[in-house]
N, C-alpha and C. Protein backbone atom coordinates (compact mmCIF):
# COMPACT_ATOMS: atom_id res chain seq x y z
N UNK A 1 -61.52 1.63 -11.45
CA UNK A 1 -60.85 3.08 -10.67
C UNK A 1 -59.68 2.66 -10.68
N UNK A 2 -59.41 4.14 -11.11
CA UNK A 2 -57.99 4.23 -11.20
C UNK A 2 -56.99 3.90 -9.84
N UNK A 3 -55.76 3.74 -9.60
CA UNK A 3 -55.11 3.65 -8.86
C UNK A 3 -54.71 5.41 -8.02
N UNK A 4 -54.17 5.05 -6.76
CA UNK A 4 -54.14 6.32 -6.39
C UNK A 4 -52.40 7.13 -7.15
N UNK A 5 -52.90 7.80 -7.65
CA UNK A 5 -51.35 8.79 -8.02
C UNK A 5 -51.64 8.95 -9.27
N UNK A 6 -53.04 8.70 -10.04
CA UNK A 6 -53.00 8.96 -11.40
C UNK A 6 -53.38 9.55 -11.41
N UNK A 7 -52.74 11.47 -11.45
CA UNK A 7 -53.27 12.16 -12.19
C UNK A 7 -52.65 12.65 -12.87
N UNK A 8 -53.29 14.11 -14.13
CA UNK A 8 -53.14 14.59 -15.12
C UNK A 8 -52.04 15.40 -14.84
N UNK A 9 -50.40 15.61 -15.24
CA UNK A 9 -50.07 16.85 -15.20
C UNK A 9 -50.81 18.19 -15.82
N UNK A 10 -52.23 18.19 -16.06
CA UNK A 10 -52.33 19.31 -16.60
C UNK A 10 -53.63 20.07 -15.99
N UNK A 11 -53.89 21.19 -16.09
CA UNK A 11 -54.69 21.54 -15.79
C UNK A 11 -56.21 22.17 -15.37
N UNK A 12 -57.44 21.55 -15.64
CA UNK A 12 -58.36 21.80 -16.08
C UNK A 12 -58.97 23.72 -16.79
N UNK A 13 -59.18 23.20 -18.36
CA UNK A 13 -58.68 24.51 -18.97
C UNK A 13 -60.43 25.41 -19.09
N UNK A 14 -61.12 25.65 -18.78
CA UNK A 14 -62.47 25.70 -18.96
C UNK A 14 -62.70 27.06 -18.98
N UNK A 15 -63.05 27.15 -19.91
CA UNK A 15 -63.46 28.13 -20.92
C UNK A 15 -64.47 29.26 -19.45
N UNK A 16 -65.34 29.11 -18.14
CA UNK A 16 -65.85 29.78 -17.59
C UNK A 16 -65.26 30.73 -16.39
N UNK A 17 -63.56 30.17 -16.89
CA UNK A 17 -62.89 31.26 -15.56
C UNK A 17 -62.69 31.90 -14.57
N UNK A 18 -62.97 30.36 -13.90
CA UNK A 18 -63.58 30.32 -12.15
C UNK A 18 -62.67 31.23 -11.67
N UNK A 19 -62.85 31.64 -10.39
CA UNK A 19 -62.22 32.41 -9.36
C UNK A 19 -60.87 31.66 -9.24
N UNK A 20 -61.45 30.46 -8.65
CA UNK A 20 -61.21 29.30 -7.71
C UNK A 20 -60.23 28.20 -9.15
N UNK A 21 -58.83 28.72 -8.92
CA UNK A 21 -58.91 27.26 -10.37
C UNK A 21 -59.22 25.94 -10.10
N UNK A 22 -59.07 24.64 -11.00
CA UNK A 22 -59.48 23.30 -10.68
C UNK A 22 -58.40 23.14 -11.55
N UNK A 23 -57.75 22.23 -11.08
CA UNK A 23 -56.70 20.85 -11.62
C UNK A 23 -57.48 19.61 -11.91
N UNK A 24 -57.21 19.08 -12.75
CA UNK A 24 -57.76 17.51 -13.35
C UNK A 24 -56.79 16.70 -12.67
N UNK A 25 -57.80 15.48 -11.97
CA UNK A 25 -57.08 14.36 -11.14
C UNK A 25 -57.64 13.42 -10.74
N UNK A 26 -56.94 12.88 -10.99
CA UNK A 26 -58.17 11.63 -11.19
C UNK A 26 -57.47 10.34 -9.35
N UNK A 27 -58.57 11.11 -8.36
CA UNK A 27 -58.00 10.49 -7.22
C UNK A 27 -59.69 10.00 -7.17
N UNK A 28 -59.93 8.39 -5.87
CA UNK A 28 -60.28 7.84 -5.58
C UNK A 28 -60.70 8.59 -4.26
N UNK A 29 -62.23 8.50 -4.52
CA UNK A 29 -63.69 9.18 -3.31
C UNK A 29 -64.32 8.66 -3.45
N UNK A 30 -64.55 8.83 -1.82
CA UNK A 30 -65.67 8.15 -1.16
C UNK A 30 -66.89 8.59 -0.26
N UNK A 31 -67.85 8.84 -0.81
CA UNK A 31 -68.66 9.50 -0.01
C UNK A 31 -69.78 9.34 -0.12
N UNK A 32 -70.53 9.67 0.78
CA UNK A 32 -71.75 9.36 1.41
C UNK A 32 -72.77 10.65 1.48
N UNK A 33 -74.36 9.52 0.39
CA UNK A 33 -74.89 11.02 0.03
C UNK A 33 -76.27 11.36 1.34
N UNK A 34 -76.77 12.70 1.42
CA UNK A 34 -77.00 12.98 2.45
C UNK A 34 -76.98 12.10 4.30
N UNK A 35 -77.90 11.69 4.88
CA UNK A 35 -77.16 10.96 6.13
C UNK A 35 -76.90 9.33 5.71
N UNK A 36 -76.78 8.92 4.64
CA UNK A 36 -76.09 7.81 4.77
C UNK A 36 -74.85 7.26 5.53
N UNK A 37 -74.92 5.93 6.01
CA UNK A 37 -74.01 5.42 6.93
C UNK A 37 -73.08 4.36 5.72
N UNK A 38 -73.37 3.54 5.07
CA UNK A 38 -72.73 3.82 3.80
C UNK A 38 -71.88 4.02 2.53
N UNK A 39 -70.81 3.87 2.97
CA UNK A 39 -69.84 4.69 1.35
C UNK A 39 -70.58 4.06 0.52
N UNK A 40 -69.98 5.13 -0.61
CA UNK A 40 -69.89 4.60 -2.25
C UNK A 40 -69.20 4.95 -2.61
N UNK A 41 -68.18 4.74 -3.69
CA UNK A 41 -66.80 4.74 -4.45
C UNK A 41 -66.93 5.87 -5.37
N UNK A 42 -66.25 6.61 -5.70
CA UNK A 42 -65.91 6.97 -7.61
C UNK A 42 -64.90 7.85 -7.20
N UNK A 43 -64.43 8.36 -7.96
CA UNK A 43 -63.39 8.98 -8.21
C UNK A 43 -63.47 10.57 -8.79
N UNK A 44 -62.94 11.46 -8.16
CA UNK A 44 -62.95 12.82 -8.92
C UNK A 44 -61.57 13.08 -10.22
N UNK A 45 -62.52 13.84 -11.32
CA UNK A 45 -62.10 14.47 -12.42
C UNK A 45 -61.24 15.46 -12.36
N UNK A 46 -61.82 16.55 -11.69
CA UNK A 46 -61.36 17.73 -11.34
C UNK A 46 -61.40 18.29 -10.18
N UNK A 47 -60.49 19.16 -9.43
CA UNK A 47 -60.75 19.34 -7.69
C UNK A 47 -60.42 20.87 -7.96
N UNK A 48 -60.96 22.05 -6.84
CA UNK A 48 -60.13 22.73 -6.36
C UNK A 48 -60.70 23.02 -4.85
N UNK A 49 -60.31 23.61 -4.31
CA UNK A 49 -60.58 24.44 -2.89
C UNK A 49 -62.18 24.83 -2.96
N UNK A 50 -62.31 25.56 -3.65
CA UNK A 50 -64.78 24.73 -3.53
C UNK A 50 -65.07 24.05 -4.45
N UNK A 51 -64.53 23.10 -4.46
CA UNK A 51 -65.52 22.31 -5.73
C UNK A 51 -64.94 21.25 -6.94
N UNK A 52 -65.90 20.40 -6.65
CA UNK A 52 -64.90 19.04 -7.89
C UNK A 52 -65.95 18.51 -8.45
N UNK A 53 -65.60 18.18 -9.45
CA UNK A 53 -66.24 17.07 -10.28
C UNK A 53 -65.98 16.14 -10.06
N UNK A 54 -67.05 14.58 -9.93
CA UNK A 54 -66.61 13.79 -9.26
C UNK A 54 -67.32 12.95 -10.24
N UNK A 55 -66.83 11.73 -10.41
CA UNK A 55 -67.68 10.64 -11.79
C UNK A 55 -67.58 9.67 -10.67
N UNK A 56 -69.02 8.84 -10.82
CA UNK A 56 -70.11 7.61 -9.97
C UNK A 56 -70.63 6.83 -11.01
N UNK A 57 -71.08 5.67 -9.94
CA UNK A 57 -71.70 5.00 -10.70
C UNK A 57 -72.85 5.47 -10.46
N UNK A 58 -73.91 6.19 -9.73
CA UNK A 58 -75.02 6.46 -9.11
C UNK A 58 -75.51 7.99 -9.56
N UNK A 59 -76.83 8.09 -10.08
CA UNK A 59 -76.93 8.77 -10.04
C UNK A 59 -77.99 9.95 -8.86
N UNK A 60 -77.24 11.36 -8.47
CA UNK A 60 -77.94 11.24 -7.11
C UNK A 60 -78.68 12.57 -7.31
N UNK A 61 -79.39 12.82 -7.03
CA UNK A 61 -80.35 14.38 -7.09
C UNK A 61 -79.80 15.50 -6.87
N UNK A 62 -79.87 16.17 -7.80
CA UNK A 62 -79.18 17.60 -6.82
C UNK A 62 -79.46 18.63 -6.26
N UNK A 63 -78.76 18.93 -5.88
CA UNK A 63 -78.91 19.76 -4.40
C UNK A 63 -78.61 19.00 -3.00
N UNK A 64 -78.39 17.19 -3.27
CA UNK A 64 -78.05 16.50 -2.45
C UNK A 64 -76.97 16.92 -1.84
N UNK A 65 -76.97 16.78 -0.58
CA UNK A 65 -75.62 16.56 0.68
C UNK A 65 -74.87 15.95 0.31
N UNK A 66 -73.79 16.22 0.69
CA UNK A 66 -73.17 14.73 0.30
C UNK A 66 -71.54 15.02 1.29
N UNK A 67 -70.93 14.41 2.10
CA UNK A 67 -69.85 13.96 2.79
C UNK A 67 -68.85 12.82 2.18
N UNK A 68 -67.25 13.38 1.52
CA UNK A 68 -66.49 13.26 1.42
C UNK A 68 -65.15 12.96 1.95
N UNK A 69 -64.50 11.32 1.14
CA UNK A 69 -62.99 11.84 1.43
C UNK A 69 -62.19 11.33 0.43
N UNK A 70 -61.80 12.52 -0.34
CA UNK A 70 -60.65 12.32 -1.44
C UNK A 70 -59.65 12.02 -1.31
N UNK A 71 -58.81 10.46 -2.00
CA UNK A 71 -57.47 10.49 -1.48
C UNK A 71 -56.23 11.03 -2.15
N UNK A 72 -56.13 11.50 -1.25
CA UNK A 72 -54.81 12.52 -2.83
C UNK A 72 -53.40 11.68 -2.77
N UNK A 73 -53.12 10.95 -2.01
CA UNK A 73 -52.27 10.35 -1.31
C UNK A 73 -52.40 8.88 -0.74
N UNK A 74 -52.00 7.69 -0.49
CA UNK A 74 -51.98 7.32 -0.09
C UNK A 74 -52.10 7.63 1.78
N UNK A 75 -51.63 8.41 1.83
CA UNK A 75 -51.59 9.29 3.19
C UNK A 75 -52.11 10.15 3.93
N UNK A 76 -52.49 10.63 2.34
CA UNK A 76 -53.38 12.20 2.80
C UNK A 76 -54.73 12.61 1.91
N UNK A 77 -55.67 12.13 2.91
CA UNK A 77 -56.99 12.31 2.30
C UNK A 77 -57.60 13.71 3.21
N UNK A 78 -58.17 14.00 2.12
CA UNK A 78 -59.01 15.46 2.20
C UNK A 78 -60.62 15.08 2.34
N UNK A 79 -60.97 15.63 3.90
CA UNK A 79 -62.23 15.20 4.45
C UNK A 79 -63.46 16.48 3.96
N UNK A 80 -64.32 16.73 3.10
CA UNK A 80 -64.92 17.46 2.45
C UNK A 80 -66.58 17.09 2.88
N UNK A 81 -67.48 18.60 3.05
CA UNK A 81 -68.54 18.09 2.85
C UNK A 81 -69.44 19.23 1.74
N UNK A 82 -69.96 19.08 1.13
CA UNK A 82 -70.72 20.15 0.68
C UNK A 82 -71.48 19.62 -0.33
N UNK A 83 -72.61 19.95 -1.33
CA UNK A 83 -73.38 20.16 -2.03
C UNK A 83 -73.71 19.87 -3.52
N UNK A 84 -74.61 18.82 -4.33
CA UNK A 84 -74.14 18.86 -5.79
C UNK A 84 -74.96 19.76 -6.36
N UNK A 85 -74.38 20.72 -7.42
CA UNK A 85 -74.57 21.34 -7.74
C UNK A 85 -75.78 21.24 -9.39
N UNK A 86 -75.00 20.07 -10.26
CA UNK A 86 -74.70 19.74 -11.44
C UNK A 86 -74.94 18.40 -11.20
N UNK A 87 -76.01 17.44 -12.34
CA UNK A 87 -75.71 16.37 -12.15
C UNK A 87 -75.70 15.66 -13.84
N UNK A 88 -74.36 15.43 -14.54
CA UNK A 88 -75.03 15.23 -16.01
C UNK A 88 -74.64 13.51 -16.65
N UNK A 89 -75.10 12.68 -17.49
CA UNK A 89 -74.98 10.80 -17.67
C UNK A 89 -74.49 11.64 -19.01
N UNK A 90 -73.20 10.75 -19.03
CA UNK A 90 -72.73 10.38 -20.33
C UNK A 90 -72.41 8.62 -20.43
N UNK A 91 -72.38 7.39 -21.56
CA UNK A 91 -73.05 6.40 -21.75
C UNK A 91 -71.96 5.79 -20.23
N UNK A 92 -70.38 5.94 -20.09
CA UNK A 92 -69.83 5.32 -19.25
C UNK A 92 -69.93 5.44 -17.79
N UNK A 93 -70.31 7.17 -17.42
CA UNK A 93 -70.57 7.41 -16.46
C UNK A 93 -71.47 8.68 -16.14
N UNK A 94 -71.28 8.80 -14.37
CA UNK A 94 -71.73 10.31 -14.60
C UNK A 94 -71.71 11.26 -13.40
N UNK A 95 -70.91 12.30 -13.83
CA UNK A 95 -70.24 13.49 -13.99
C UNK A 95 -71.57 14.21 -13.01
N UNK A 96 -70.38 14.84 -11.36
CA UNK A 96 -71.75 14.84 -10.35
C UNK A 96 -70.79 16.54 -10.46
N UNK A 97 -71.12 17.88 -10.55
CA UNK A 97 -70.50 19.22 -9.67
C UNK A 97 -71.14 19.57 -8.05
N UNK A 98 -69.82 19.06 -7.71
CA UNK A 98 -69.91 19.54 -6.32
C UNK A 98 -69.09 20.82 -5.16
N UNK A 99 -70.26 22.03 -5.09
CA UNK A 99 -69.58 23.30 -4.22
C UNK A 99 -69.57 22.20 -2.39
N UNK A 100 -68.01 22.80 -2.36
CA UNK A 100 -67.65 22.56 -0.96
C UNK A 100 -68.35 23.58 -0.34
N UNK A 101 -68.40 23.04 0.89
CA UNK A 101 -69.18 24.15 2.28
C UNK A 101 -68.23 23.41 3.52
N UNK A 102 -68.04 24.50 4.09
CA UNK A 102 -67.10 24.69 5.55
C UNK A 102 -66.17 24.07 5.31
N UNK A 103 -65.98 24.11 4.30
CA UNK A 103 -63.93 23.32 3.89
C UNK A 103 -63.03 24.34 5.42
N UNK A 104 -61.94 23.32 5.96
CA UNK A 104 -61.11 23.79 6.34
C UNK A 104 -60.04 24.10 6.09
N UNK A 105 -59.19 25.11 6.47
CA UNK A 105 -57.92 25.35 6.88
C UNK A 105 -57.08 23.89 5.93
N UNK A 106 -57.25 23.24 6.97
CA UNK A 106 -56.32 21.74 7.17
C UNK A 106 -57.03 21.43 5.41
N UNK A 107 -57.91 20.65 5.35
CA UNK A 107 -58.54 20.73 3.74
C UNK A 107 -57.83 21.73 2.17
N UNK A 108 -58.15 22.77 2.85
CA UNK A 108 -57.35 23.67 1.24
C UNK A 108 -56.30 23.35 1.56
N UNK A 109 -55.01 23.70 2.58
CA UNK A 109 -53.77 23.25 2.33
C UNK A 109 -53.62 22.17 2.03
N UNK A 110 -54.01 20.92 2.18
CA UNK A 110 -53.87 19.31 1.75
C UNK A 110 -54.34 19.38 -0.34
N UNK A 111 -55.38 20.74 -0.30
CA UNK A 111 -55.66 20.31 -1.64
C UNK A 111 -54.55 20.75 -2.66
N UNK A 112 -54.52 22.23 -2.38
CA UNK A 112 -53.34 23.19 -3.19
C UNK A 112 -51.30 22.74 -2.62
N UNK A 113 -51.57 21.65 -2.06
CA UNK A 113 -50.44 21.23 -1.77
C UNK A 113 -50.71 19.92 -3.12
N UNK A 114 -51.75 19.54 -3.50
CA UNK A 114 -51.87 18.39 -4.11
C UNK A 114 -51.21 18.55 -5.94
N UNK A 115 -52.22 20.39 -5.69
CA UNK A 115 -52.00 20.48 -7.21
C UNK A 115 -50.54 21.06 -7.23
N UNK A 116 -49.90 21.17 -6.61
CA UNK A 116 -48.89 21.99 -6.69
C UNK A 116 -47.37 20.90 -7.20
N UNK A 117 -47.63 19.75 -6.16
CA UNK A 117 -47.04 18.31 -6.21
C UNK A 117 -47.24 17.99 -7.35
N UNK A 118 -48.20 17.97 -8.23
CA UNK A 118 -48.58 17.48 -9.27
C UNK A 118 -48.57 17.67 -10.56
N UNK A 119 -48.14 19.27 -10.34
CA UNK A 119 -47.50 20.52 -11.48
C UNK A 119 -47.67 22.03 -11.13
N UNK A 120 -46.26 22.24 -10.46
CA UNK A 120 -45.76 23.24 -10.23
C UNK A 120 -46.16 24.58 -10.45
N UNK A 121 -45.62 24.27 -12.72
CA UNK A 121 -45.78 25.65 -13.65
C UNK A 121 -46.99 25.93 -13.74
N UNK A 122 -48.03 24.71 -14.19
CA UNK A 122 -49.60 24.74 -14.19
C UNK A 122 -50.43 25.94 -12.82
N UNK A 123 -49.71 25.09 -11.91
CA UNK A 123 -50.10 25.78 -10.49
C UNK A 123 -50.31 27.36 -10.44
N UNK A 124 -48.95 27.51 -10.66
CA UNK A 124 -48.65 29.19 -10.25
C UNK A 124 -49.70 29.37 -11.84
N UNK A 125 -49.09 29.27 -13.33
CA UNK A 125 -49.65 29.90 -13.71
C UNK A 125 -51.34 29.35 -13.71
N UNK A 126 -51.98 29.04 -12.97
CA UNK A 126 -53.52 29.55 -12.83
C UNK A 126 -54.06 30.38 -12.19
N UNK A 127 -52.82 29.63 -10.74
CA UNK A 127 -52.80 30.11 -9.69
C UNK A 127 -52.89 31.65 -9.81
N UNK A 128 -52.17 32.35 -10.33
CA UNK A 128 -51.36 33.68 -11.08
C UNK A 128 -51.45 34.75 -12.60
N UNK A 129 -52.68 34.12 -12.87
CA UNK A 129 -53.02 34.24 -14.32
C UNK A 129 -53.20 35.71 -14.36
N UNK A 130 -52.50 36.43 -15.39
CA UNK A 130 -52.90 38.26 -15.48
C UNK A 130 -52.70 39.16 -14.57
N UNK A 131 -51.58 38.32 -13.50
CA UNK A 131 -50.22 38.62 -12.77
C UNK A 131 -49.45 39.24 -13.23
N UNK A 132 -48.19 40.38 -13.32
CA UNK A 132 -47.48 40.78 -14.11
C UNK A 132 -47.10 41.24 -13.02
């Protein structure tokens, strides 16, 4: 597991032209699948206000509900809920696409502040891409 604050200062350059940009970050995640009481641990691969790609040690089912705490720093934690949209296994890990639901303004603000703190230039370039 990568230590807190181990973020890459580049933004995700996905060719799918997401409406909401994602930022490549490696943050600790505690997550609960469906109504589990014991958390599992993973990390983000990328993150936005609308969803994330998580790197996990287990293989959850697609469409499963997930509640998570993403540790943006030692003092800032975004509490989010969502649904697993896709699962991709690699030789080292399982990558899971999660779309968030019922995202609070507080969680959105935390994610955007985190993205800006990582790389203000990339934040502005992605968020305002195409503006003149």
